Amino acid sequence: MGAGLFCAALMFLLGCLDQLLFGGSPTGYGVLFLPVCVLTAVWVRRGDLLTSPVVVPIGFAVGLLPLAEGDGFLGTLVGLVTALAAQALWLYGGTLIAGVTALLRRAAPAPARARAGRRTPR
């Protein structure tokens, strides 16, 4: 839950910043999304590593809300779906980066502190 909230909140703030500074540049938003994917996969607890590739696409969609063009609820929803379709390459790339980072962290040996706690006394 924490990683999802972190990713969604950060992407929403970056979406607002992109809208403010760059006028809603899709490329700028996609470039900002990639480091957030890495940060999410790095900062998530070791036990929840496999959730990071799941929460980053949700964060991507939440961050697109300020960038979605349209009038009213349905217009904004159509704008959001259109933006998701147009930015699919960034979305897939970021999800892949989060997945690979999570798998690398999972394959890495446990920290020495955790290994020392698992040893059985003689």
PDB file of N, CA and C in Angstrom:
ATOM      1  N   MET A   1       0.820  -1.189   0.000  1.00  0.00           N
ATOM      2  CA  MET A   1       0.000   0.000   0.000  1.00  0.00           C
ATOM      3  C   MET A   1       0.868   1.259   0.000  1.00  0.00           C
ATOM      4  N   GLY A   2       1.937   1.242   0.768  1.00  0.00           N
ATOM      5  CA  GLY A   2       2.796   2.422   0.856  1.00  0.00           C
ATOM      6  C   GLY A   2       3.469   2.749  -0.461  1.00  0.00           C
ATOM      7  N   ALA A   3       3.940   1.717  -1.174  1.00  0.00           N
ATOM      8  CA  ALA A   3       4.596   1.951  -2.460  1.00  0.00           C
ATOM      9  C   ALA A   3       3.605   2.493  -3.481  1.00  0.00           C
ATOM     10  N   GLY A   4       2.387   1.989  -3.455  1.00  0.00           N
ATOM     11  CA  GLY A   4       1.371   2.479  -4.378  1.00  0.00           C
ATOM     12  C   GLY A   4       1.000   3.924  -4.100  1.00  0.00           C
ATOM     13  N   LEU A   5       0.872   4.257  -2.833  1.00  0.00           N
ATOM     14  CA  LEU A   5       0.559   5.632  -2.455  1.00  0.00           C
ATOM     15  C   LEU A   5       1.706   6.565  -2.809  1.00  0.00           C
ATOM     16  N   PHE A   6       2.933   6.116  -2.546  1.00  0.00           N
ATOM     17  CA  PHE A   6       4.106   6.906  -2.902  1.00  0.00           C
ATOM     18  C   PHE A   6       4.143   7.184  -4.403  1.00  0.00           C
ATOM     19  N   CYS A   7       3.982   6.132  -5.197  1.00  0.00           N
ATOM     20  CA  CYS A   7       4.062   6.270  -6.650  1.00  0.00           C
ATOM     21  C   CYS A   7       2.927   7.137  -7.192  1.00  0.00           C
ATOM     22  N   ALA A   8       1.709   6.901  -6.722  1.00  0.00           N
ATOM     23  CA  ALA A   8       0.561   7.667  -7.218  1.00  0.00           C
ATOM     24  C   ALA A   8       0.672   9.143  -6.833  1.00  0.00           C
ATOM     25  N   ALA A   9       1.057   9.416  -5.594  1.00  0.00           N
ATOM     26  CA  ALA A   9       1.175  10.814  -5.153  1.00  0.00           C
ATOM     27  C   ALA A   9       2.289  11.536  -5.903  1.00  0.00           C
ATOM     28  N   LEU A  10       3.427  10.876  -6.046  1.00  0.00           N
ATOM     29  CA  LEU A  10       4.543  11.496  -6.750  1.00  0.00           C
ATOM     30  C   LEU A  10       4.224  11.724  -8.225  1.00  0.00           C
ATOM     31  N   MET A  11       3.570  10.760  -8.863  1.00  0.00           N
ATOM     32  CA  MET A  11       3.224  10.934 -10.273  1.00  0.00           C
ATOM     33  C   MET A  11       2.172  12.021 -10.458  1.00  0.00           C
ATOM     34  N   PHE A  12       1.229  12.141  -9.512  1.00  0.00           N
ATOM     35  CA  PHE A  12       0.244  13.213  -9.606  1.00  0.00           C
ATOM     36  C   PHE A  12       0.932  14.569  -9.495  1.00  0.00           C
ATOM     37  N   LEU A  13       1.871  14.692  -8.541  1.00  0.00           N
ATOM     38  CA  LEU A  13       2.612  15.947  -8.406  1.00  0.00           C
ATOM     39  C   LEU A  13       3.449  16.242  -9.649  1.00  0.00           C
ATOM     40  N   LEU A  14       4.079  15.212 -10.198  1.00  0.00           N
ATOM     41  CA  LEU A  14       4.867  15.413 -11.417  1.00  0.00           C
ATOM     42  C   LEU A  14       3.980  15.734 -12.618  1.00  0.00           C
ATOM     43  N   GLY A  15       2.778  15.163 -12.659  1.00  0.00           N
ATOM     44  CA  GLY A  15       1.830  15.502 -13.720  1.00  0.00           C
ATOM     45  C   GLY A  15       1.400  16.962 -13.626  1.00  0.00           C
ATOM     46  N   CYS A  16       1.149  17.426 -12.408  1.00  0.00           N
ATOM     47  CA  CYS A  16       0.802  18.838 -12.205  1.00  0.00           C
ATOM     48  C   CYS A  16       1.968  19.739 -12.580  1.00  0.00           C
ATOM     49  N   LEU A  17       3.184  19.336 -12.194  1.00  0.00           N
ATOM     50  CA  LEU A  17       4.377  20.110 -12.530  1.00  0.00           C
ATOM     51  C   LEU A  17       4.606  20.150 -14.039  1.00  0.00           C
ATOM     52  N   ASP A  18       4.394  19.025 -14.696  1.00  0.00           N
ATOM     53  CA  ASP A  18       4.544  18.970 -16.152  1.00  0.00           C
ATOM     54  C   ASP A  18       3.519  19.873 -16.840  1.00  0.00           C
ATOM     55  N   GLN A  19       2.309  19.855 -16.342  1.00  0.00           N
ATOM     56  CA  GLN A  19       1.266  20.716 -16.913  1.00  0.00           C
ATOM     57  C   GLN A  19       1.625  22.194 -16.711  1.00  0.00           C
ATOM     58  N   LEU A  20       2.165  22.513 -15.542  1.00  0.00           N
ATOM     59  CA  LEU A  20       2.493  23.891 -15.220  1.00  0.00           C
ATOM     60  C   LEU A  20       3.704  24.395 -15.998  1.00  0.00           C
ATOM     61  N   LEU A  21       4.760  23.590 -16.057  1.00  0.00           N
ATOM     62  CA  LEU A  21       6.008  24.047 -16.668  1.00  0.00           C
ATOM     63  C   LEU A  21       6.088  23.814 -18.171  1.00  0.00           C
ATOM     64  N   PHE A  22       5.593  22.661 -18.627  1.00  0.00           N
ATOM     65  CA  PHE A  22       5.772  22.289 -20.029  1.00  0.00           C
ATOM     66  C   PHE A  22       4.473  22.269 -20.829  1.00  0.00           C
ATOM     67  N   GLY A  23       3.376  22.660 -20.215  1.00  0.00           N
ATOM     68  CA  GLY A  23       2.099  22.667 -20.926  1.00  0.00           C
ATOM     69  C   GLY A  23       1.541  21.291 -21.195  1.00  0.00           C
ATOM     70  N   GLY A  24       1.902  20.320 -20.392  1.00  0.00           N
ATOM     71  CA  GLY A  24       1.369  18.967 -20.557  1.00  0.00           C
ATOM     72  C   GLY A  24       2.118  18.150 -21.582  1.00  0.00           C
ATOM     73  N   SER A  25       3.445  18.251 -21.590  1.00  0.00           N
ATOM     74  CA  SER A  25       4.258  17.498 -22.551  1.00  0.00           C
ATOM     75  C   SER A  25       4.235  16.007 -22.232  1.00  0.00           C
ATOM     76  N   PRO A  26       3.728  15.179 -23.153  1.00  0.00           N
ATOM     77  CA  PRO A  26       3.698  13.737 -22.907  1.00  0.00           C
ATOM     78  C   PRO A  26       5.095  13.132 -22.772  1.00  0.00           C
ATOM     79  N   THR A  27       6.042  13.619 -23.552  1.00  0.00           N
ATOM     80  CA  THR A  27       7.406  13.105 -23.472  1.00  0.00           C
ATOM     81  C   THR A  27       8.043  13.461 -22.135  1.00  0.00           C
ATOM     82  N   GLY A  28       7.826  14.681 -21.686  1.00  0.00           N
ATOM     83  CA  GLY A  28       8.348  15.098 -20.389  1.00  0.00           C
ATOM     84  C   GLY A  28       7.778  14.263 -19.259  1.00  0.00           C
ATOM     85  N   TYR A  29       6.489  13.974 -19.340  1.00  0.00           N
ATOM     86  CA  TYR A  29       5.846  13.148 -18.317  1.00  0.00           C
ATOM     87  C   TYR A  29       6.403  11.728 -18.344  1.00  0.00           C
ATOM     88  N   GLY A  30       6.607  11.181 -19.525  1.00  0.00           N
ATOM     89  CA  GLY A  30       7.158   9.835 -19.643  1.00  0.00           C
ATOM     90  C   GLY A  30       8.574   9.742 -19.104  1.00  0.00           C
ATOM     91  N   VAL A  31       9.381  10.753 -19.378  1.00  0.00           N
ATOM     92  CA  VAL A  31      10.756  10.769 -18.872  1.00  0.00           C
ATOM     93  C   VAL A  31      10.751  10.874 -17.347  1.00  0.00           C
ATOM     94  N   LEU A  32       9.850  11.659 -16.784  1.00  0.00           N
ATOM     95  CA  LEU A  32       9.752  11.776 -15.326  1.00  0.00           C
ATOM     96  C   LEU A  32       9.238  10.486 -14.687  1.00  0.00           C
ATOM     97  N   PHE A  33       8.501   9.693 -15.434  1.00  0.00           N
ATOM     98  CA  PHE A  33       7.937   8.460 -14.912  1.00  0.00           C
ATOM     99  C   PHE A  33       9.008   7.390 -14.665  1.00  0.00           C
ATOM    100  N   LEU A  34      10.027   7.341 -15.496  1.00  0.00           N
ATOM    101  CA  LEU A  34      11.028   6.279 -15.392  1.00  0.00           C
ATOM    102  C   LEU A  34      11.791   6.291 -14.070  1.00  0.00           C
ATOM    103  N   PRO A  35      12.287   7.440 -13.584  1.00  0.00           N
ATOM    104  CA  PRO A  35      12.957   7.407 -12.280  1.00  0.00           C
ATOM    105  C   PRO A  35      12.006   7.065 -11.132  1.00  0.00           C
ATOM    106  N   VAL A  36      10.740   7.422 -11.261  1.00  0.00           N
ATOM    107  CA  VAL A  36       9.775   7.076 -10.224  1.00  0.00           C
ATOM    108  C   VAL A  36       9.602   5.562 -10.154  1.00  0.00           C
ATOM    109  N   CYS A  37       9.655   4.902 -11.304  1.00  0.00           N
ATOM    110  CA  CYS A  37       9.569   3.435 -11.323  1.00  0.00           C
ATOM    111  C   CYS A  37      10.739   2.813 -10.588  1.00  0.00           C
ATOM    112  N   VAL A  38      11.925   3.335 -10.833  1.00  0.00           N
ATOM    113  CA  VAL A  38      13.109   2.807 -10.148  1.00  0.00           C
ATOM    114  C   VAL A  38      13.011   3.069  -8.653  1.00  0.00           C
ATOM    115  N   LEU A  39      12.642   4.290  -8.272  1.00  0.00           N
ATOM    116  CA  LEU A  39      12.521   4.625  -6.849  1.00  0.00           C
ATOM    117  C   LEU A  39      11.479   3.759  -6.153  1.00  0.00           C
ATOM    118  N   THR A  40      10.377   3.513  -6.810  1.00  0.00           N
ATOM    119  CA  THR A  40       9.337   2.683  -6.210  1.00  0.00           C
ATOM    120  C   THR A  40       9.850   1.263  -5.987  1.00  0.00           C
ATOM    121  N   ALA A  41      10.543   0.716  -6.963  1.00  0.00           N
ATOM    122  CA  ALA A  41      11.063  -0.650  -6.826  1.00  0.00           C
ATOM    123  C   ALA A  41      12.198  -0.731  -5.813  1.00  0.00           C
ATOM    124  N   VAL A  42      12.930   0.352  -5.625  1.00  0.00           N
ATOM    125  CA  VAL A  42      14.043   0.348  -4.674  1.00  0.00           C
ATOM    126  C   VAL A  42      13.547   0.567  -3.248  1.00  0.00           C
ATOM    127  N   TRP A  43      12.539   1.413  -3.069  1.00  0.00           N
ATOM    128  CA  TRP A  43      12.100   1.772  -1.717  1.00  0.00           C
ATOM    129  C   TRP A  43      11.042   0.841  -1.140  1.00  0.00           C
ATOM    130  N   VAL A  44      10.500  -0.063  -1.930  1.00  0.00           N
ATOM    131  CA  VAL A  44       9.471  -0.966  -1.415  1.00  0.00           C
ATOM    132  C   VAL A  44      10.138  -1.996  -0.496  1.00  0.00           C
ATOM    133  N   ARG A  45       9.395  -2.460   0.494  1.00  0.00           N
ATOM    134  CA  ARG A  45       9.928  -3.475   1.401  1.00  0.00           C
ATOM    135  C   ARG A  45      10.290  -4.728   0.629  1.00  0.00           C
ATOM    136  N   ARG A  46      11.256  -5.443   1.141  1.00  0.00           N
ATOM    137  CA  ARG A  46      11.725  -6.651   0.462  1.00  0.00           C
ATOM    138  C   ARG A  46      10.609  -7.684   0.307  1.00  0.00           C
ATOM    139  N   GLY A  47       9.730  -7.777   1.277  1.00  0.00           N
ATOM    140  CA  GLY A  47       8.629  -8.729   1.192  1.00  0.00           C
ATOM    141  C   GLY A  47       7.566  -8.355   0.174  1.00  0.00           C
ATOM    142  N   ASP A  48       7.516  -7.088  -0.215  1.00  0.00           N
ATOM    143  CA  ASP A  48       6.512  -6.600  -1.159  1.00  0.00           C
ATOM    144  C   ASP A  48       7.104  -6.260  -2.518  1.00  0.00           C
ATOM    145  N   LEU A  49       8.241  -6.835  -2.845  1.00  0.00           N
ATOM    146  CA  LEU A  49       8.927  -6.474  -4.093  1.00  0.00           C
ATOM    147  C   LEU A  49       8.082  -6.704  -5.335  1.00  0.00           C
ATOM    148  N   LEU A  50       7.309  -7.747  -5.345  1.00  0.00           N
ATOM    149  CA  LEU A  50       6.559  -8.069  -6.564  1.00  0.00           C
ATOM    150  C   LEU A  50       5.348  -7.168  -6.767  1.00  0.00           C
ATOM    151  N   THR A  51       5.057  -6.290  -5.816  1.00  0.00           N
ATOM    152  CA  THR A  51       3.955  -5.345  -6.014  1.00  0.00           C
ATOM    153  C   THR A  51       4.382  -4.115  -6.808  1.00  0.00           C
ATOM    154  N   SER A  52       5.682  -3.837  -6.864  1.00  0.00           N
ATOM    155  CA  SER A  52       6.106  -2.617  -7.558  1.00  0.00           C
ATOM    156  C   SER A  52       5.749  -2.611  -9.043  1.00  0.00           C
ATOM    157  N   PRO A  53       5.864  -3.725  -9.792  1.00  0.00           N
ATOM    158  CA  PRO A  53       5.423  -3.664 -11.187  1.00  0.00           C
ATOM    159  C   PRO A  53       3.908  -3.531 -11.332  1.00  0.00           C
ATOM    160  N   VAL A  54       3.178  -3.754 -10.255  1.00  0.00           N
ATOM    161  CA  VAL A  54       1.719  -3.617 -10.304  1.00  0.00           C
ATOM    162  C   VAL A  54       1.296  -2.180 -10.005  1.00  0.00           C
ATOM    163  N   VAL A  55       1.980  -1.525  -9.071  1.00  0.00           N
ATOM    164  CA  VAL A  55       1.541  -0.191  -8.654  1.00  0.00           C
ATOM    165  C   VAL A  55       2.027   0.925  -9.576  1.00  0.00           C
ATOM    166  N   VAL A  56       3.120   0.708 -10.315  1.00  0.00           N
ATOM    167  CA  VAL A  56       3.600   1.807 -11.168  1.00  0.00           C
ATOM    168  C   VAL A  56       2.640   2.149 -12.309  1.00  0.00           C
ATOM    169  N   PRO A  57       1.959   1.189 -12.949  1.00  0.00           N
ATOM    170  CA  PRO A  57       0.981   1.605 -13.959  1.00  0.00           C
ATOM    171  C   PRO A  57      -0.199   2.374 -13.354  1.00  0.00           C
ATOM    172  N   ILE A  58      -0.579   2.019 -12.129  1.00  0.00           N
ATOM    173  CA  ILE A  58      -1.652   2.753 -11.456  1.00  0.00           C
ATOM    174  C   ILE A  58      -1.199   4.178 -11.185  1.00  0.00           C
ATOM    175  N   GLY A  59       0.041   4.331 -10.715  1.00  0.00           N
ATOM    176  CA  GLY A  59       0.589   5.671 -10.494  1.00  0.00           C
ATOM    177  C   GLY A  59       0.687   6.470 -11.781  1.00  0.00           C
ATOM    178  N   PHE A  60       1.028   5.800 -12.878  1.00  0.00           N
ATOM    179  CA  PHE A  60       1.100   6.470 -14.178  1.00  0.00           C
ATOM    180  C   PHE A  60      -0.267   7.038 -14.560  1.00  0.00           C
ATOM    181  N   ALA A  61      -1.310   6.234 -14.361  1.00  0.00           N
ATOM    182  CA  ALA A  61      -2.667   6.681 -14.704  1.00  0.00           C
ATOM    183  C   ALA A  61      -3.115   7.822 -13.802  1.00  0.00           C
ATOM    184  N   VAL A  62      -2.794   7.751 -12.529  1.00  0.00           N
ATOM    185  CA  VAL A  62      -3.177   8.836 -11.600  1.00  0.00           C
ATOM    186  C   VAL A  62      -2.464  10.126 -11.984  1.00  0.00           C
ATOM    187  N   GLY A  63      -1.202  10.019 -12.367  1.00  0.00           N
ATOM    188  CA  GLY A  63      -0.444  11.208 -12.764  1.00  0.00           C
ATOM    189  C   GLY A  63      -0.911  11.822 -14.064  1.00  0.00           C
ATOM    190  N   LEU A  64      -1.605  11.052 -14.887  1.00  0.00           N
ATOM    191  CA  LEU A  64      -2.122  11.594 -16.150  1.00  0.00           C
ATOM    192  C   LEU A  64      -3.386  12.423 -15.960  1.00  0.00           C
ATOM    193  N   LEU A  65      -3.999  12.348 -14.793  1.00  0.00           N
ATOM    194  CA  LEU A  65      -5.245  13.106 -14.561  1.00  0.00           C
ATOM    195  C   LEU A  65      -5.088  14.604 -14.817  1.00  0.00           C
ATOM    196  N   PRO A  66      -4.025  15.259 -14.339  1.00  0.00           N
ATOM    197  CA  PRO A  66      -3.894  16.689 -14.650  1.00  0.00           C
ATOM    198  C   PRO A  66      -3.625  16.967 -16.130  1.00  0.00           C
ATOM    199  N   LEU A  67      -3.136  15.966 -16.846  1.00  0.00           N
ATOM    200  CA  LEU A  67      -2.796  16.151 -18.258  1.00  0.00           C
ATOM    201  C   LEU A  67      -3.927  15.784 -19.207  1.00  0.00           C
ATOM    202  N   ALA A  68      -4.930  15.060 -18.701  1.00  0.00           N
ATOM    203  CA  ALA A  68      -6.031  14.607 -19.554  1.00  0.00           C
ATOM    204  C   ALA A  68      -6.881  15.801 -19.972  1.00  0.00           C
ATOM    205  N   GLU A  69      -7.135  15.880 -21.254  1.00  0.00           N
ATOM    206  CA  GLU A  69      -7.945  16.971 -21.783  1.00  0.00           C
ATOM    207  C   GLU A  69      -9.373  16.500 -21.958  1.00  0.00           C
ATOM    208  N   GLY A  70     -10.302  17.357 -21.625  1.00  0.00           N
ATOM    209  CA  GLY A  70     -11.706  17.033 -21.783  1.00  0.00           C
ATOM    210  C   GLY A  70     -12.556  17.877 -20.860  1.00  0.00           C
ATOM    211  N   ASP A  71     -13.830  18.004 -21.212  1.00  0.00           N
ATOM    212  CA  ASP A  71     -14.773  18.776 -20.406  1.00  0.00           C
ATOM    213  C   ASP A  71     -15.665  17.822 -19.636  1.00  0.00           C
ATOM    214  N   GLY A  72     -15.788  18.051 -18.355  1.00  0.00           N
ATOM    215  CA  GLY A  72     -16.648  17.213 -17.542  1.00  0.00           C
ATOM    216  C   GLY A  72     -15.999  15.878 -17.219  1.00  0.00           C
ATOM    217  N   PHE A  73     -16.761  15.066 -16.508  1.00  0.00           N
ATOM    218  CA  PHE A  73     -16.237  13.773 -16.079  1.00  0.00           C
ATOM    219  C   PHE A  73     -15.975  12.839 -17.250  1.00  0.00           C
ATOM    220  N   LEU A  74     -16.940  12.689 -18.132  1.00  0.00           N
ATOM    221  CA  LEU A  74     -16.771  11.769 -19.258  1.00  0.00           C
ATOM    222  C   LEU A  74     -15.702  12.244 -20.234  1.00  0.00           C
ATOM    223  N   GLY A  75     -15.633  13.536 -20.446  1.00  0.00           N
ATOM    224  CA  GLY A  75     -14.601  14.076 -21.328  1.00  0.00           C
ATOM    225  C   GLY A  75     -13.211  13.851 -20.773  1.00  0.00           C
ATOM    226  N   THR A  76     -13.060  14.038 -19.471  1.00  0.00           N
ATOM    227  CA  THR A  76     -11.770  13.782 -18.825  1.00  0.00           C
ATOM    228  C   THR A  76     -11.431  12.301 -18.862  1.00  0.00           C
ATOM    229  N   LEU A  77     -12.433  11.444 -18.677  1.00  0.00           N
ATOM    230  CA  LEU A  77     -12.214  10.001 -18.745  1.00  0.00           C
ATOM    231  C   LEU A  77     -11.754   9.579 -20.140  1.00  0.00           C
ATOM    232  N   VAL A  78     -12.380  10.121 -21.162  1.00  0.00           N
ATOM    233  CA  VAL A  78     -11.975   9.825 -22.539  1.00  0.00           C
ATOM    234  C   VAL A  78     -10.561  10.358 -22.787  1.00  0.00           C
ATOM    235  N   GLY A  79     -10.267  11.542 -22.268  1.00  0.00           N
ATOM    236  CA  GLY A  79      -8.918  12.098 -22.403  1.00  0.00           C
ATOM    237  C   GLY A  79      -7.876  11.254 -21.697  1.00  0.00           C
ATOM    238  N   LEU A  80      -8.244  10.705 -20.543  1.00  0.00           N
ATOM    239  CA  LEU A  80      -7.327   9.837 -19.799  1.00  0.00           C
ATOM    240  C   LEU A  80      -7.045   8.545 -20.563  1.00  0.00           C
ATOM    241  N   VAL A  81      -8.092   7.937 -21.101  1.00  0.00           N
ATOM    242  CA  VAL A  81      -7.913   6.693 -21.866  1.00  0.00           C
ATOM    243  C   VAL A  81      -7.087   6.966 -23.125  1.00  0.00           C
ATOM    244  N   THR A  82      -7.328   8.086 -23.775  1.00  0.00           N
ATOM    245  CA  THR A  82      -6.555   8.455 -24.954  1.00  0.00           C
ATOM    246  C   THR A  82      -5.091   8.674 -24.604  1.00  0.00           C
ATOM    247  N   ALA A  83      -4.847   9.371 -23.495  1.00  0.00           N
ATOM    248  CA  ALA A  83      -3.465   9.617 -23.066  1.00  0.00           C
ATOM    249  C   ALA A  83      -2.771   8.310 -22.695  1.00  0.00           C
ATOM    250  N   LEU A  84      -3.481   7.393 -22.044  1.00  0.00           N
ATOM    251  CA  LEU A  84      -2.896   6.088 -21.713  1.00  0.00           C
ATOM    252  C   LEU A  84      -2.525   5.317 -22.978  1.00  0.00           C
ATOM    253  N   ALA A  85      -3.389   5.369 -23.973  1.00  0.00           N
ATOM    254  CA  ALA A  85      -3.096   4.670 -25.225  1.00  0.00           C
ATOM    255  C   ALA A  85      -1.916   5.309 -25.953  1.00  0.00           C
ATOM    256  N   ALA A  86      -1.847   6.637 -25.931  1.00  0.00           N
ATOM    257  CA  ALA A  86      -0.773   7.327 -26.634  1.00  0.00           C
ATOM    258  C   ALA A  86       0.566   7.174 -25.919  1.00  0.00           C
ATOM    259  N   GLN A  87       0.537   6.974 -24.617  1.00  0.00           N
ATOM    260  CA  GLN A  87       1.766   6.873 -23.827  1.00  0.00           C
ATOM    261  C   GLN A  87       2.090   5.439 -23.418  1.00  0.00           C
ATOM    262  N   ALA A  88       1.566   4.471 -24.126  1.00  0.00           N
ATOM    263  CA  ALA A  88       1.746   3.061 -23.764  1.00  0.00           C
ATOM    264  C   ALA A  88       3.213   2.651 -23.734  1.00  0.00           C
ATOM    265  N   LEU A  89       4.032   3.198 -24.605  1.00  0.00           N
ATOM    266  CA  LEU A  89       5.443   2.822 -24.632  1.00  0.00           C
ATOM    267  C   LEU A  89       6.144   3.222 -23.336  1.00  0.00           C
ATOM    268  N   TRP A  90       5.878   4.440 -22.849  1.00  0.00           N
ATOM    269  CA  TRP A  90       6.447   4.869 -21.570  1.00  0.00           C
ATOM    270  C   TRP A  90       5.935   3.996 -20.436  1.00  0.00           C
ATOM    271  N   LEU A  91       4.655   3.679 -20.491  1.00  0.00           N
ATOM    272  CA  LEU A  91       4.041   2.860 -19.449  1.00  0.00           C
ATOM    273  C   LEU A  91       4.659   1.468 -19.405  1.00  0.00           C
ATOM    274  N   TYR A  92       4.807   0.823 -20.555  1.00  0.00           N
ATOM    275  CA  TYR A  92       5.412  -0.508 -20.606  1.00  0.00           C
ATOM    276  C   TYR A  92       6.888  -0.467 -20.212  1.00  0.00           C
ATOM    277  N   GLY A  93       7.582   0.550 -20.665  1.00  0.00           N
ATOM    278  CA  GLY A  93       9.004   0.677 -20.318  1.00  0.00           C
ATOM    279  C   GLY A  93       9.220   0.857 -18.830  1.00  0.00           C
ATOM    280  N   GLY A  94       8.426   1.716 -18.213  1.00  0.00           N
ATOM    281  CA  GLY A  94       8.551   1.932 -16.773  1.00  0.00           C
ATOM    282  C   GLY A  94       8.172   0.702 -15.970  1.00  0.00           C
ATOM    283  N   THR A  95       7.142   0.003 -16.416  1.00  0.00           N
ATOM    284  CA  THR A  95       6.738  -1.231 -15.736  1.00  0.00           C
ATOM    285  C   THR A  95       7.833  -2.281 -15.862  1.00  0.00           C
ATOM    286  N   LEU A  96       8.456  -2.368 -17.022  1.00  0.00           N
ATOM    287  CA  LEU A  96       9.561  -3.299 -17.220  1.00  0.00           C
ATOM    288  C   LEU A  96      10.743  -2.944 -16.314  1.00  0.00           C
ATOM    289  N   ILE A  97      11.058  -1.662 -16.214  1.00  0.00           N
ATOM    290  CA  ILE A  97      12.149  -1.226 -15.348  1.00  0.00           C
ATOM    291  C   ILE A  97      11.854  -1.578 -13.888  1.00  0.00           C
ATOM    292  N   ALA A  98      10.627  -1.333 -13.447  1.00  0.00           N
ATOM    293  CA  ALA A  98      10.260  -1.672 -12.067  1.00  0.00           C
ATOM    294  C   ALA A  98      10.325  -3.174 -11.842  1.00  0.00           C
ATOM    295  N   GLY A  99       9.884  -3.951 -12.806  1.00  0.00           N
ATOM    296  CA  GLY A  99       9.921  -5.405 -12.674  1.00  0.00           C
ATOM    297  C   GLY A  99      11.342  -5.952 -12.615  1.00  0.00           C
ATOM    298  N   VAL A 100      12.203  -5.462 -13.490  1.00  0.00           N
ATOM    299  CA  VAL A 100      13.595  -5.921 -13.503  1.00  0.00           C
ATOM    300  C   VAL A 100      14.298  -5.506 -12.211  1.00  0.00           C
ATOM    301  N   THR A 101      14.060  -4.282 -11.760  1.00  0.00           N
ATOM    302  CA  THR A 101      14.667  -3.820 -10.505  1.00  0.00           C
ATOM    303  C   THR A 101      14.200  -4.676  -9.336  1.00  0.00           C
ATOM    304  N   ALA A 102      12.917  -4.984  -9.300  1.00  0.00           N
ATOM    305  CA  ALA A 102      12.390  -5.824  -8.220  1.00  0.00           C
ATOM    306  C   ALA A 102      12.978  -7.232  -8.281  1.00  0.00           C
ATOM    307  N   LEU A 103      13.100  -7.788  -9.472  1.00  0.00           N
ATOM    308  CA  LEU A 103      13.681  -9.129  -9.589  1.00  0.00           C
ATOM    309  C   LEU A 103      15.152  -9.147  -9.194  1.00  0.00           C
ATOM    310  N   LEU A 104      15.887  -8.112  -9.553  1.00  0.00           N
ATOM    311  CA  LEU A 104      17.291  -8.031  -9.158  1.00  0.00           C
ATOM    312  C   LEU A 104      17.427  -7.903  -7.643  1.00  0.00           C
ATOM    313  N   ARG A 105      16.564  -7.111  -7.043  1.00  0.00           N
ATOM    314  CA  ARG A 105      16.599  -6.990  -5.585  1.00  0.00           C
ATOM    315  C   ARG A 105      16.225  -8.292  -4.912  1.00  0.00           C
ATOM    316  N   ARG A 106      15.280  -8.999  -5.480  1.00  0.00           N
ATOM    317  CA  ARG A 106      14.845 -10.274  -4.891  1.00  0.00           C
ATOM    318  C   ARG A 106      15.927 -11.336  -5.026  1.00  0.00           C
ATOM    319  N   ALA A 107      16.674 -11.311  -6.126  1.00  0.00           N
ATOM    320  CA  ALA A 107      17.731 -12.292  -6.343  1.00  0.00           C
ATOM    321  C   ALA A 107      18.986 -11.975  -5.538  1.00  0.00           C
ATOM    322  N   ALA A 108      19.135 -10.728  -5.115  1.00  0.00           N
ATOM    323  CA  ALA A 108      20.319 -10.341  -4.340  1.00  0.00           C
ATOM    324  C   ALA A 108      20.292 -11.032  -2.988  1.00  0.00           C
ATOM    325  N   PRO A 109      21.464 -11.345  -2.453  1.00  0.00           N
ATOM    326  CA  PRO A 109      21.486 -11.985  -1.138  1.00  0.00           C
ATOM    327  C   PRO A 109      20.921 -11.055  -0.066  1.00  0.00           C
ATOM    328  N   ALA A 110      20.359 -11.662   0.945  1.00  0.00           N
ATOM    329  CA  ALA A 110      19.780 -10.888   2.045  1.00  0.00           C
ATOM    330  C   ALA A 110      20.890 -10.140   2.770  1.00  0.00           C
ATOM    331  N   PRO A 111      20.565  -8.998   3.356  1.00  0.00           N
ATOM    332  CA  PRO A 111      21.579  -8.254   4.111  1.00  0.00           C
ATOM    333  C   PRO A 111      22.153  -9.108   5.248  1.00  0.00           C
ATOM    334  N   ALA A 112      23.362  -8.801   5.655  1.00  0.00           N
ATOM    335  CA  ALA A 112      24.055  -9.585   6.680  1.00  0.00           C
ATOM    336  C   ALA A 112      23.281  -9.599   7.994  1.00  0.00           C
ATOM    337  N   ARG A 113      22.628  -8.525   8.310  1.00  0.00           N
ATOM    338  CA  ARG A 113      21.855  -8.441   9.550  1.00  0.00           C
ATOM    339  C   ARG A 113      20.733  -9.476   9.554  1.00  0.00           C
ATOM    340  N   ALA A 114      20.048  -9.639   8.447  1.00  0.00           N
ATOM    341  CA  ALA A 114      18.954 -10.607   8.370  1.00  0.00           C
ATOM    342  C   ALA A 114      19.495 -12.038   8.384  1.00  0.00           C
ATOM    343  N   ARG A 115      20.615 -12.267   7.729  1.00  0.00           N
ATOM    344  CA  ARG A 115      21.208 -13.605   7.730  1.00  0.00           C
ATOM    345  C   ARG A 115      21.680 -13.988   9.123  1.00  0.00           C
ATOM    346  N   ALA A 116      22.220 -13.032   9.872  1.00  0.00           N
ATOM    347  CA  ALA A 116      22.703 -13.325  11.218  1.00  0.00           C
ATOM    348  C   ALA A 116      21.545 -13.709  12.136  1.00  0.00           C
ATOM    349  N   GLY A 117      20.388 -13.122  11.929  1.00  0.00           N
ATOM    350  CA  GLY A 117      19.219 -13.430  12.752  1.00  0.00           C
ATOM    351  C   GLY A 117      18.630 -14.796  12.455  1.00  0.00           C
ATOM    352  N   ARG A 118      18.884 -15.350  11.296  1.00  0.00           N
ATOM    353  CA  ARG A 118      18.331 -16.636  10.905  1.00  0.00           C
ATOM    354  C   ARG A 118      19.168 -17.823  11.367  1.00  0.00           C
ATOM    355  N   ARG A 119      20.375 -17.573  11.780  1.00  0.00           N
ATOM    356  CA  ARG A 119      21.245 -18.668  12.208  1.00  0.00           C
ATOM    357  C   ARG A 119      20.720 -19.291  13.489  1.00  0.00           C
ATOM    358  N   THR A 120      20.825 -20.576  13.558  1.00  0.00           N
ATOM    359  CA  THR A 120      20.369 -21.272  14.762  1.00  0.00           C
ATOM    360  C   THR A 120      21.541 -21.451  15.718  1.00  0.00           C
ATOM    361  N   PRO A 121      21.329 -21.203  16.996  1.00  0.00           N
ATOM    362  CA  PRO A 121      22.428 -21.382  17.956  1.00  0.00           C
ATOM    363  C   PRO A 121      22.747 -22.853  18.147  1.00  0.00           C
ATOM    364  N   ARG A 122      23.982 -23.131  18.464  1.00  0.00           N
ATOM    365  CA  ARG A 122      24.410 -24.530  18.639  1.00  0.00           C
ATOM    366  C   ARG A 122      24.302 -24.960  20.053  1.00  0.00           C
TER     367      ARG A 122
END
